N, C-alpha and C. Protein backbone atom coordinates (compact mmCIF):
# COMPACT_ATOMS: atom_id res chain seq x y z
N MET A 1 23.09 22.58 26.13
CA MET A 1 21.78 23.05 25.70
C MET A 1 21.08 23.73 26.87
N ASN A 2 20.21 24.64 26.54
CA ASN A 2 19.51 25.42 27.54
C ASN A 2 18.02 25.05 27.52
N TYR A 3 17.65 24.00 28.27
CA TYR A 3 16.25 23.57 28.36
C TYR A 3 15.90 23.36 29.82
N PHE A 4 14.57 23.29 30.10
CA PHE A 4 14.10 23.08 31.46
C PHE A 4 13.65 21.64 31.63
N LYS A 5 14.05 21.05 32.75
CA LYS A 5 13.62 19.70 33.11
C LYS A 5 13.16 19.73 34.55
N HIS A 6 11.91 19.37 34.80
CA HIS A 6 11.43 19.28 36.17
C HIS A 6 12.24 18.22 36.91
N GLU A 7 12.43 18.42 38.20
CA GLU A 7 13.28 17.50 38.98
C GLU A 7 12.76 16.07 38.99
N SER A 8 11.47 15.85 38.73
CA SER A 8 10.94 14.49 38.72
C SER A 8 11.04 13.82 37.34
N ALA A 9 11.42 14.57 36.32
CA ALA A 9 11.56 14.00 34.97
C ALA A 9 12.88 13.25 34.87
N TYR A 10 12.91 12.27 33.97
CA TYR A 10 14.11 11.47 33.79
C TYR A 10 14.54 11.54 32.33
N ILE A 11 15.81 11.90 32.11
CA ILE A 11 16.37 12.01 30.77
C ILE A 11 17.51 11.00 30.66
N ASP A 12 17.39 10.02 29.77
CA ASP A 12 18.45 9.03 29.57
C ASP A 12 19.67 9.68 28.93
N ASP A 13 20.77 8.94 28.91
CA ASP A 13 21.97 9.37 28.19
C ASP A 13 21.70 9.31 26.69
N ASN A 14 22.54 9.99 25.92
CA ASN A 14 22.47 9.97 24.46
C ASN A 14 21.14 10.51 23.94
N VAL A 15 20.75 11.67 24.48
CA VAL A 15 19.53 12.36 24.07
C VAL A 15 19.90 13.76 23.61
N GLU A 16 19.23 14.26 22.56
CA GLU A 16 19.42 15.64 22.11
C GLU A 16 18.16 16.44 22.40
N ILE A 17 18.30 17.51 23.19
CA ILE A 17 17.18 18.38 23.51
C ILE A 17 17.62 19.81 23.24
N ASP A 18 16.89 20.51 22.38
CA ASP A 18 17.31 21.84 21.95
C ASP A 18 16.81 22.93 22.92
N ASP A 19 17.30 24.13 22.69
CA ASP A 19 17.03 25.28 23.57
C ASP A 19 15.55 25.59 23.71
N GLY A 20 15.18 26.01 24.91
CA GLY A 20 13.84 26.50 25.18
C GLY A 20 12.79 25.43 25.43
N THR A 21 13.16 24.17 25.31
CA THR A 21 12.20 23.08 25.54
C THR A 21 11.97 22.91 27.04
N LYS A 22 10.72 22.56 27.39
CA LYS A 22 10.34 22.33 28.79
C LYS A 22 9.79 20.93 28.94
N ILE A 23 10.33 20.20 29.93
CA ILE A 23 9.91 18.82 30.19
C ILE A 23 9.40 18.77 31.63
N TRP A 24 8.10 18.45 31.77
CA TRP A 24 7.45 18.58 33.06
C TRP A 24 7.40 17.28 33.86
N HIS A 25 6.66 17.30 34.95
CA HIS A 25 6.62 16.26 35.99
C HIS A 25 6.51 14.84 35.44
N PHE A 26 7.32 13.96 35.98
CA PHE A 26 7.25 12.51 35.78
C PHE A 26 7.40 12.07 34.33
N SER A 27 7.99 12.90 33.50
CA SER A 27 8.19 12.54 32.10
C SER A 27 9.51 11.80 31.94
N HIS A 28 9.63 11.06 30.83
CA HIS A 28 10.82 10.26 30.57
C HIS A 28 11.19 10.39 29.09
N VAL A 29 12.43 10.76 28.83
CA VAL A 29 12.95 10.83 27.46
C VAL A 29 14.02 9.75 27.34
N GLN A 30 13.79 8.78 26.43
CA GLN A 30 14.66 7.62 26.32
C GLN A 30 15.82 7.85 25.35
N SER A 31 16.82 7.02 25.49
CA SER A 31 18.06 7.12 24.74
C SER A 31 17.82 7.21 23.23
N GLY A 32 18.56 8.10 22.60
CA GLY A 32 18.50 8.26 21.15
C GLY A 32 17.44 9.23 20.68
N ALA A 33 16.58 9.72 21.58
CA ALA A 33 15.53 10.66 21.19
C ALA A 33 16.13 12.02 20.84
N LYS A 34 15.49 12.70 19.90
CA LYS A 34 15.89 14.05 19.50
C LYS A 34 14.67 14.95 19.60
N ILE A 35 14.79 16.02 20.40
CA ILE A 35 13.68 16.95 20.61
C ILE A 35 14.16 18.34 20.21
N GLY A 36 13.38 19.01 19.39
CA GLY A 36 13.74 20.33 18.88
C GLY A 36 13.59 21.43 19.91
N LYS A 37 13.65 22.66 19.41
CA LYS A 37 13.61 23.83 20.30
C LYS A 37 12.18 24.23 20.64
N ASN A 38 12.03 24.84 21.82
CA ASN A 38 10.77 25.42 22.28
C ASN A 38 9.60 24.45 22.27
N CYS A 39 9.86 23.20 22.61
CA CYS A 39 8.80 22.20 22.76
C CYS A 39 8.32 22.20 24.21
N ILE A 40 7.11 21.71 24.41
CA ILE A 40 6.58 21.54 25.76
C ILE A 40 6.09 20.10 25.89
N LEU A 41 6.67 19.37 26.84
CA LEU A 41 6.23 18.02 27.16
C LEU A 41 5.56 18.09 28.51
N GLY A 42 4.25 17.85 28.55
CA GLY A 42 3.48 17.94 29.78
C GLY A 42 3.81 16.83 30.76
N GLN A 43 2.97 16.73 31.77
CA GLN A 43 3.17 15.74 32.83
C GLN A 43 2.99 14.32 32.28
N ASN A 44 3.87 13.41 32.71
CA ASN A 44 3.76 11.99 32.38
C ASN A 44 3.83 11.71 30.88
N VAL A 45 4.75 12.39 30.20
CA VAL A 45 4.98 12.13 28.78
C VAL A 45 6.18 11.20 28.66
N ASN A 46 6.04 10.18 27.81
CA ASN A 46 7.16 9.28 27.54
C ASN A 46 7.56 9.44 26.08
N VAL A 47 8.84 9.72 25.85
CA VAL A 47 9.38 9.81 24.50
C VAL A 47 10.29 8.61 24.31
N GLY A 48 9.92 7.72 23.40
CA GLY A 48 10.65 6.48 23.19
C GLY A 48 12.00 6.67 22.56
N SER A 49 12.77 5.61 22.58
CA SER A 49 14.10 5.61 21.97
C SER A 49 14.01 5.98 20.49
N ASN A 50 14.94 6.79 20.06
CA ASN A 50 15.12 7.16 18.65
C ASN A 50 13.95 7.95 18.04
N VAL A 51 13.04 8.45 18.86
CA VAL A 51 11.95 9.29 18.37
C VAL A 51 12.52 10.65 17.97
N VAL A 52 11.98 11.22 16.90
CA VAL A 52 12.37 12.55 16.46
C VAL A 52 11.18 13.48 16.60
N ILE A 53 11.39 14.57 17.34
CA ILE A 53 10.36 15.58 17.57
C ILE A 53 10.92 16.92 17.08
N GLY A 54 10.15 17.60 16.24
CA GLY A 54 10.60 18.87 15.66
C GLY A 54 10.55 20.02 16.65
N ASN A 55 10.51 21.22 16.12
CA ASN A 55 10.48 22.45 16.93
C ASN A 55 9.04 22.87 17.23
N PHE A 56 8.85 23.53 18.37
CA PHE A 56 7.57 24.12 18.77
C PHE A 56 6.45 23.07 18.85
N VAL A 57 6.79 21.86 19.24
CA VAL A 57 5.80 20.79 19.40
C VAL A 57 5.27 20.85 20.83
N LYS A 58 3.95 20.66 20.97
CA LYS A 58 3.34 20.63 22.29
C LYS A 58 2.70 19.27 22.50
N ILE A 59 3.17 18.56 23.54
CA ILE A 59 2.64 17.24 23.88
C ILE A 59 2.00 17.35 25.26
N GLN A 60 0.69 17.19 25.31
CA GLN A 60 -0.06 17.33 26.55
C GLN A 60 0.16 16.12 27.46
N ASN A 61 -0.43 16.15 28.64
CA ASN A 61 -0.24 15.13 29.66
C ASN A 61 -0.62 13.72 29.18
N ASN A 62 0.11 12.74 29.70
CA ASN A 62 -0.20 11.31 29.55
C ASN A 62 -0.13 10.82 28.11
N VAL A 63 0.88 11.25 27.37
CA VAL A 63 1.08 10.79 25.99
C VAL A 63 2.41 10.05 25.92
N SER A 64 2.40 8.88 25.25
CA SER A 64 3.62 8.15 24.96
C SER A 64 3.89 8.23 23.46
N VAL A 65 5.04 8.78 23.11
CA VAL A 65 5.44 8.86 21.70
C VAL A 65 6.43 7.71 21.49
N TYR A 66 5.93 6.62 20.93
CA TYR A 66 6.72 5.40 20.83
C TYR A 66 7.74 5.46 19.71
N GLU A 67 8.77 4.62 19.83
CA GLU A 67 9.77 4.50 18.78
C GLU A 67 9.08 4.19 17.46
N GLY A 68 9.52 4.87 16.41
CA GLY A 68 8.91 4.73 15.09
C GLY A 68 8.05 5.92 14.73
N VAL A 69 7.76 6.79 15.71
CA VAL A 69 6.94 7.98 15.46
C VAL A 69 7.84 9.19 15.24
N THR A 70 7.52 9.99 14.24
CA THR A 70 8.21 11.26 13.99
C THR A 70 7.16 12.37 14.00
N LEU A 71 7.44 13.41 14.79
CA LEU A 71 6.58 14.59 14.86
C LEU A 71 7.32 15.77 14.25
N GLU A 72 6.80 16.34 13.19
CA GLU A 72 7.43 17.51 12.58
C GLU A 72 7.11 18.76 13.40
N ASP A 73 7.58 19.92 12.96
CA ASP A 73 7.41 21.19 13.67
C ASP A 73 5.92 21.51 13.90
N TYR A 74 5.65 22.15 15.05
CA TYR A 74 4.34 22.69 15.40
C TYR A 74 3.23 21.65 15.54
N VAL A 75 3.57 20.40 15.77
CA VAL A 75 2.55 19.38 16.01
C VAL A 75 1.99 19.56 17.42
N PHE A 76 0.69 19.34 17.58
CA PHE A 76 0.02 19.38 18.87
C PHE A 76 -0.55 18.00 19.16
N CYS A 77 -0.17 17.43 20.31
CA CYS A 77 -0.70 16.14 20.76
C CYS A 77 -1.55 16.39 21.99
N GLY A 78 -2.86 16.19 21.87
CA GLY A 78 -3.79 16.44 22.97
C GLY A 78 -3.65 15.44 24.11
N PRO A 79 -4.24 15.75 25.26
CA PRO A 79 -4.11 14.90 26.44
C PRO A 79 -4.53 13.46 26.18
N SER A 80 -3.71 12.55 26.63
CA SER A 80 -4.00 11.11 26.62
C SER A 80 -4.23 10.53 25.24
N MET A 81 -3.78 11.20 24.17
CA MET A 81 -3.89 10.60 22.84
C MET A 81 -2.86 9.48 22.76
N VAL A 82 -3.06 8.56 21.80
CA VAL A 82 -2.28 7.33 21.76
C VAL A 82 -1.66 7.11 20.38
N PHE A 83 -0.38 6.76 20.39
CA PHE A 83 0.29 6.24 19.19
C PHE A 83 0.48 4.74 19.39
N THR A 84 0.45 3.99 18.30
CA THR A 84 0.86 2.58 18.36
C THR A 84 2.08 2.42 17.48
N ASN A 85 2.81 1.33 17.65
CA ASN A 85 3.94 1.08 16.74
C ASN A 85 4.04 -0.37 16.29
N ILE A 86 3.06 -1.19 16.67
CA ILE A 86 2.97 -2.57 16.22
C ILE A 86 1.51 -2.84 15.86
N ILE A 87 1.27 -3.51 14.74
CA ILE A 87 -0.09 -3.79 14.28
C ILE A 87 -0.73 -4.95 15.04
N ASP A 88 0.04 -5.98 15.32
CA ASP A 88 -0.52 -7.22 15.88
C ASP A 88 0.21 -7.65 17.16
N PRO A 89 0.12 -6.85 18.23
CA PRO A 89 0.86 -7.19 19.45
C PRO A 89 0.30 -8.43 20.15
N ARG A 90 1.19 -9.25 20.66
CA ARG A 90 0.83 -10.41 21.48
C ARG A 90 1.85 -10.50 22.60
N SER A 91 1.37 -10.58 23.81
CA SER A 91 2.26 -10.68 24.96
C SER A 91 3.10 -11.95 24.90
N LYS A 92 2.50 -13.04 24.44
CA LYS A 92 3.21 -14.33 24.38
C LYS A 92 4.28 -14.34 23.30
N TYR A 93 4.12 -13.47 22.28
CA TYR A 93 5.07 -13.41 21.16
C TYR A 93 5.57 -11.98 21.00
N PRO A 94 6.47 -11.58 21.90
CA PRO A 94 6.90 -10.17 21.91
C PRO A 94 7.60 -9.75 20.62
N GLN A 95 7.38 -8.50 20.28
CA GLN A 95 8.00 -7.90 19.11
C GLN A 95 8.75 -6.64 19.56
N ALA A 96 9.77 -6.84 20.33
CA ALA A 96 10.53 -5.72 20.88
C ALA A 96 11.72 -5.41 19.98
N GLY A 97 11.92 -4.13 19.73
CA GLY A 97 13.08 -3.70 18.94
C GLY A 97 12.67 -3.01 17.66
N SER A 98 13.53 -2.13 17.22
CA SER A 98 13.26 -1.26 16.07
C SER A 98 12.81 -2.01 14.82
N LYS A 99 13.34 -3.20 14.61
CA LYS A 99 13.00 -3.92 13.37
C LYS A 99 11.52 -4.30 13.29
N PHE A 100 10.82 -4.30 14.42
CA PHE A 100 9.41 -4.65 14.44
C PHE A 100 8.49 -3.44 14.33
N TYR A 101 9.00 -2.24 14.59
CA TYR A 101 8.14 -1.07 14.72
C TYR A 101 7.78 -0.49 13.37
N ILE A 102 6.51 -0.18 13.21
CA ILE A 102 6.00 0.38 11.97
C ILE A 102 5.95 1.90 12.12
N LYS A 103 6.49 2.60 11.16
CA LYS A 103 6.68 4.05 11.28
C LYS A 103 5.38 4.84 11.06
N THR A 104 5.29 5.94 11.81
CA THR A 104 4.19 6.89 11.70
C THR A 104 4.80 8.28 11.57
N LEU A 105 4.30 9.07 10.63
CA LEU A 105 4.78 10.43 10.41
C LEU A 105 3.63 11.39 10.64
N VAL A 106 3.85 12.36 11.53
CA VAL A 106 2.89 13.43 11.75
C VAL A 106 3.53 14.70 11.21
N LYS A 107 2.96 15.24 10.14
CA LYS A 107 3.57 16.37 9.45
C LYS A 107 3.29 17.70 10.14
N GLU A 108 4.00 18.70 9.67
CA GLU A 108 3.99 20.04 10.25
C GLU A 108 2.59 20.55 10.57
N GLY A 109 2.44 21.05 11.79
CA GLY A 109 1.24 21.77 12.19
C GLY A 109 0.01 20.93 12.45
N ALA A 110 0.09 19.60 12.35
CA ALA A 110 -1.07 18.75 12.61
C ALA A 110 -1.45 18.80 14.08
N SER A 111 -2.76 18.69 14.36
CA SER A 111 -3.27 18.63 15.73
C SER A 111 -3.97 17.30 15.94
N LEU A 112 -3.60 16.62 17.02
CA LEU A 112 -4.17 15.32 17.36
C LEU A 112 -4.97 15.49 18.64
N GLY A 113 -6.28 15.40 18.55
CA GLY A 113 -7.16 15.71 19.66
C GLY A 113 -7.03 14.75 20.83
N ALA A 114 -7.55 15.18 21.98
CA ALA A 114 -7.52 14.40 23.21
C ALA A 114 -8.11 13.01 22.97
N ASN A 115 -7.44 12.01 23.51
CA ASN A 115 -7.90 10.61 23.45
C ASN A 115 -8.01 10.04 22.04
N SER A 116 -7.45 10.70 21.05
CA SER A 116 -7.42 10.11 19.72
C SER A 116 -6.38 9.00 19.69
N THR A 117 -6.52 8.09 18.73
CA THR A 117 -5.58 6.98 18.57
C THR A 117 -5.09 6.98 17.13
N ILE A 118 -3.77 6.92 16.97
CA ILE A 118 -3.17 6.87 15.64
C ILE A 118 -2.59 5.47 15.45
N ILE A 119 -3.23 4.67 14.60
CA ILE A 119 -2.72 3.34 14.32
C ILE A 119 -1.46 3.50 13.45
N CYS A 120 -0.42 2.77 13.81
CA CYS A 120 0.89 2.94 13.16
C CYS A 120 0.84 2.64 11.66
N GLY A 121 1.83 3.18 10.96
CA GLY A 121 1.98 2.96 9.54
C GLY A 121 1.31 4.00 8.67
N HIS A 122 0.84 5.09 9.30
CA HIS A 122 0.12 6.10 8.54
C HIS A 122 0.80 7.45 8.63
N THR A 123 0.44 8.32 7.70
CA THR A 123 0.94 9.69 7.69
C THR A 123 -0.23 10.63 7.94
N ILE A 124 -0.02 11.54 8.89
CA ILE A 124 -0.98 12.59 9.17
C ILE A 124 -0.48 13.82 8.45
N GLY A 125 -1.26 14.36 7.54
CA GLY A 125 -0.83 15.45 6.67
C GLY A 125 -0.63 16.78 7.38
N ARG A 126 -0.01 17.71 6.66
CA ARG A 126 0.25 19.05 7.17
C ARG A 126 -1.06 19.72 7.59
N PHE A 127 -1.06 20.27 8.79
CA PHE A 127 -2.17 21.04 9.34
C PHE A 127 -3.49 20.25 9.39
N ALA A 128 -3.40 18.93 9.34
CA ALA A 128 -4.60 18.10 9.53
C ALA A 128 -5.06 18.24 10.97
N PHE A 129 -6.33 17.93 11.21
CA PHE A 129 -6.88 18.01 12.55
C PHE A 129 -7.62 16.71 12.84
N ILE A 130 -7.14 15.99 13.86
CA ILE A 130 -7.75 14.74 14.28
C ILE A 130 -8.63 15.06 15.48
N GLY A 131 -9.95 14.85 15.36
CA GLY A 131 -10.88 15.18 16.42
C GLY A 131 -10.67 14.33 17.66
N ALA A 132 -11.13 14.84 18.80
CA ALA A 132 -11.02 14.12 20.07
C ALA A 132 -11.66 12.75 19.95
N GLY A 133 -10.94 11.73 20.40
CA GLY A 133 -11.46 10.37 20.42
C GLY A 133 -11.44 9.64 19.09
N ALA A 134 -11.01 10.29 18.01
CA ALA A 134 -10.99 9.65 16.69
C ALA A 134 -9.95 8.54 16.66
N VAL A 135 -10.21 7.53 15.83
CA VAL A 135 -9.27 6.42 15.64
C VAL A 135 -8.83 6.45 14.18
N VAL A 136 -7.57 6.81 13.96
CA VAL A 136 -7.03 6.96 12.60
C VAL A 136 -6.51 5.62 12.12
N THR A 137 -7.11 5.10 11.03
CA THR A 137 -6.74 3.80 10.48
C THR A 137 -6.18 3.89 9.06
N LYS A 138 -6.04 5.13 8.56
CA LYS A 138 -5.46 5.33 7.23
C LYS A 138 -4.84 6.72 7.17
N ASP A 139 -4.11 7.00 6.10
CA ASP A 139 -3.47 8.30 5.94
C ASP A 139 -4.52 9.41 5.98
N VAL A 140 -4.12 10.57 6.50
CA VAL A 140 -4.99 11.74 6.56
C VAL A 140 -4.36 12.83 5.70
N PRO A 141 -5.12 13.38 4.73
CA PRO A 141 -4.54 14.40 3.85
C PRO A 141 -4.28 15.74 4.55
N ASP A 142 -3.44 16.54 3.95
CA ASP A 142 -3.18 17.89 4.45
C ASP A 142 -4.50 18.64 4.64
N TYR A 143 -4.60 19.40 5.73
CA TYR A 143 -5.73 20.29 6.04
C TYR A 143 -7.05 19.57 6.34
N ALA A 144 -7.07 18.24 6.35
CA ALA A 144 -8.32 17.51 6.57
C ALA A 144 -8.72 17.54 8.04
N LEU A 145 -10.02 17.60 8.29
CA LEU A 145 -10.60 17.43 9.61
C LEU A 145 -11.24 16.05 9.62
N VAL A 146 -10.77 15.16 10.52
CA VAL A 146 -11.33 13.81 10.61
C VAL A 146 -11.84 13.57 12.02
N VAL A 147 -12.96 12.83 12.10
CA VAL A 147 -13.57 12.49 13.39
C VAL A 147 -14.12 11.07 13.32
N GLY A 148 -14.35 10.48 14.48
CA GLY A 148 -15.04 9.20 14.56
C GLY A 148 -14.13 7.99 14.63
N ASN A 149 -14.78 6.81 14.66
CA ASN A 149 -14.09 5.52 14.74
C ASN A 149 -14.74 4.56 13.76
N PRO A 150 -14.07 4.26 12.64
CA PRO A 150 -12.78 4.81 12.22
C PRO A 150 -12.94 6.26 11.76
N ALA A 151 -11.84 7.00 11.83
CA ALA A 151 -11.88 8.42 11.48
C ALA A 151 -12.26 8.61 10.01
N LYS A 152 -13.16 9.57 9.79
CA LYS A 152 -13.58 9.93 8.44
C LYS A 152 -13.47 11.44 8.26
N LYS A 153 -13.13 11.84 7.04
CA LYS A 153 -12.99 13.27 6.75
C LYS A 153 -14.38 13.90 6.73
N VAL A 154 -14.51 15.00 7.51
CA VAL A 154 -15.79 15.71 7.56
C VAL A 154 -15.65 17.17 7.13
N GLY A 155 -14.44 17.57 6.78
CA GLY A 155 -14.24 18.95 6.33
C GLY A 155 -12.77 19.27 6.18
N TRP A 156 -12.52 20.55 5.99
CA TRP A 156 -11.17 21.06 5.79
C TRP A 156 -10.94 22.24 6.71
N LEU A 157 -9.73 22.37 7.25
CA LEU A 157 -9.37 23.50 8.10
C LEU A 157 -8.13 24.18 7.54
N SER A 158 -8.03 25.47 7.75
CA SER A 158 -6.84 26.23 7.33
C SER A 158 -5.68 25.94 8.26
N GLU A 159 -4.53 26.45 7.91
CA GLU A 159 -3.35 26.36 8.77
C GLU A 159 -3.65 26.92 10.15
N ALA A 160 -4.49 27.96 10.22
CA ALA A 160 -4.83 28.62 11.48
C ALA A 160 -5.99 27.93 12.21
N GLY A 161 -6.54 26.84 11.62
CA GLY A 161 -7.59 26.09 12.28
C GLY A 161 -9.00 26.56 12.00
N GLN A 162 -9.18 27.40 10.99
CA GLN A 162 -10.50 27.90 10.62
C GLN A 162 -11.13 26.98 9.56
N LYS A 163 -12.45 26.77 9.68
CA LYS A 163 -13.16 25.95 8.70
C LYS A 163 -13.06 26.60 7.33
N LEU A 164 -12.75 25.79 6.32
CA LEU A 164 -12.65 26.29 4.96
C LEU A 164 -13.93 25.98 4.20
N ILE A 165 -14.53 27.03 3.62
CA ILE A 165 -15.73 26.88 2.81
C ILE A 165 -15.35 27.31 1.39
N PHE A 166 -15.39 26.35 0.48
CA PHE A 166 -14.91 26.59 -0.88
C PHE A 166 -16.02 27.12 -1.78
N ASP A 167 -15.67 28.09 -2.63
CA ASP A 167 -16.63 28.62 -3.60
C ASP A 167 -16.70 27.70 -4.82
N LYS A 168 -17.47 28.09 -5.83
CA LYS A 168 -17.66 27.25 -7.03
C LYS A 168 -16.36 26.99 -7.78
N ASP A 169 -15.36 27.84 -7.57
CA ASP A 169 -14.06 27.67 -8.23
C ASP A 169 -13.08 26.88 -7.37
N GLY A 170 -13.56 26.40 -6.22
CA GLY A 170 -12.69 25.61 -5.34
C GLY A 170 -11.72 26.45 -4.54
N ILE A 171 -12.06 27.73 -4.28
CA ILE A 171 -11.19 28.63 -3.53
C ILE A 171 -11.86 28.97 -2.20
N ALA A 172 -11.05 28.98 -1.13
CA ALA A 172 -11.53 29.39 0.20
C ALA A 172 -10.49 30.30 0.81
N GLU A 173 -10.96 31.21 1.66
CA GLU A 173 -10.03 32.12 2.35
C GLU A 173 -10.21 31.95 3.85
N CYS A 174 -9.09 31.91 4.56
CA CYS A 174 -9.10 31.83 6.02
C CYS A 174 -9.29 33.23 6.59
N SER A 175 -10.32 33.40 7.40
CA SER A 175 -10.61 34.72 7.97
C SER A 175 -9.59 35.12 9.03
N LYS A 176 -8.88 34.15 9.57
CA LYS A 176 -7.90 34.44 10.62
C LYS A 176 -6.55 34.88 10.05
N SER A 177 -6.10 34.20 8.99
CA SER A 177 -4.77 34.49 8.44
C SER A 177 -4.80 35.21 7.10
N ASN A 178 -5.99 35.27 6.47
CA ASN A 178 -6.17 35.83 5.12
C ASN A 178 -5.46 35.01 4.03
N LYS A 179 -5.04 33.79 4.36
CA LYS A 179 -4.45 32.92 3.35
C LYS A 179 -5.56 32.28 2.53
N LYS A 180 -5.26 32.02 1.24
CA LYS A 180 -6.22 31.39 0.35
C LYS A 180 -5.81 29.93 0.10
N TYR A 181 -6.85 29.11 -0.10
CA TYR A 181 -6.66 27.68 -0.31
C TYR A 181 -7.44 27.23 -1.52
N LYS A 182 -6.94 26.17 -2.17
CA LYS A 182 -7.60 25.63 -3.36
C LYS A 182 -7.90 24.15 -3.13
N LEU A 183 -9.13 23.76 -3.44
CA LEU A 183 -9.55 22.37 -3.40
C LEU A 183 -9.57 21.84 -4.82
N GLU A 184 -8.75 20.81 -5.06
CA GLU A 184 -8.63 20.26 -6.40
C GLU A 184 -8.33 18.77 -6.30
N ASN A 185 -9.12 17.96 -6.98
CA ASN A 185 -8.95 16.51 -6.98
C ASN A 185 -8.94 15.92 -5.56
N GLY A 186 -9.81 16.45 -4.71
CA GLY A 186 -9.93 15.92 -3.35
C GLY A 186 -8.78 16.27 -2.43
N ARG A 187 -7.98 17.24 -2.82
CA ARG A 187 -6.84 17.67 -2.01
C ARG A 187 -6.90 19.19 -1.84
N VAL A 188 -6.40 19.67 -0.70
CA VAL A 188 -6.35 21.10 -0.45
C VAL A 188 -4.91 21.54 -0.42
N SER A 189 -4.63 22.69 -1.03
CA SER A 189 -3.29 23.28 -0.98
C SER A 189 -3.44 24.79 -0.81
N GLU A 190 -2.39 25.40 -0.28
CA GLU A 190 -2.39 26.85 -0.18
C GLU A 190 -2.21 27.42 -1.57
N SER A 191 -3.02 28.43 -1.91
CA SER A 191 -2.91 28.97 -3.28
C SER A 191 -2.18 30.31 -3.29
């Protein structure tokens, strides 16, 4: 494979890293991880065992993607955002190993803001946007903008990240991409 690894980064055996990916200072990719093409892993990123990362994913500095997390294509993880993979951790009663980890799925194009926290067991929808510092405690629908602790939906964004303002028929157009969206039954889809 043709990828870049900074000399201070550590890549375990039994890892798949596709072409064009860049892994920067002090990062660690653990055994069994699969990373797609043209990804960027910033400084001090840890990718846990058996994690699957799609293509064109950008993970900013100081993020740990723990086992049980899957990132689809074009996901953005802001600086120092946090994933969890156990609901009730106790140091005295360790829960180490795949059988204990609760899965989290981040779908295509979602953006997870700086210092946000994603509590395990939830799905972040396509092109959803998690605001900086938000704490996600439930599933987030496609195109939703959520902020706060706990995170609450405060609006809708297009695939290109533009605020969607729906007319009386539930139709909105993105000024950046010219794509149209429909709001129906509390869900947004591309029309």
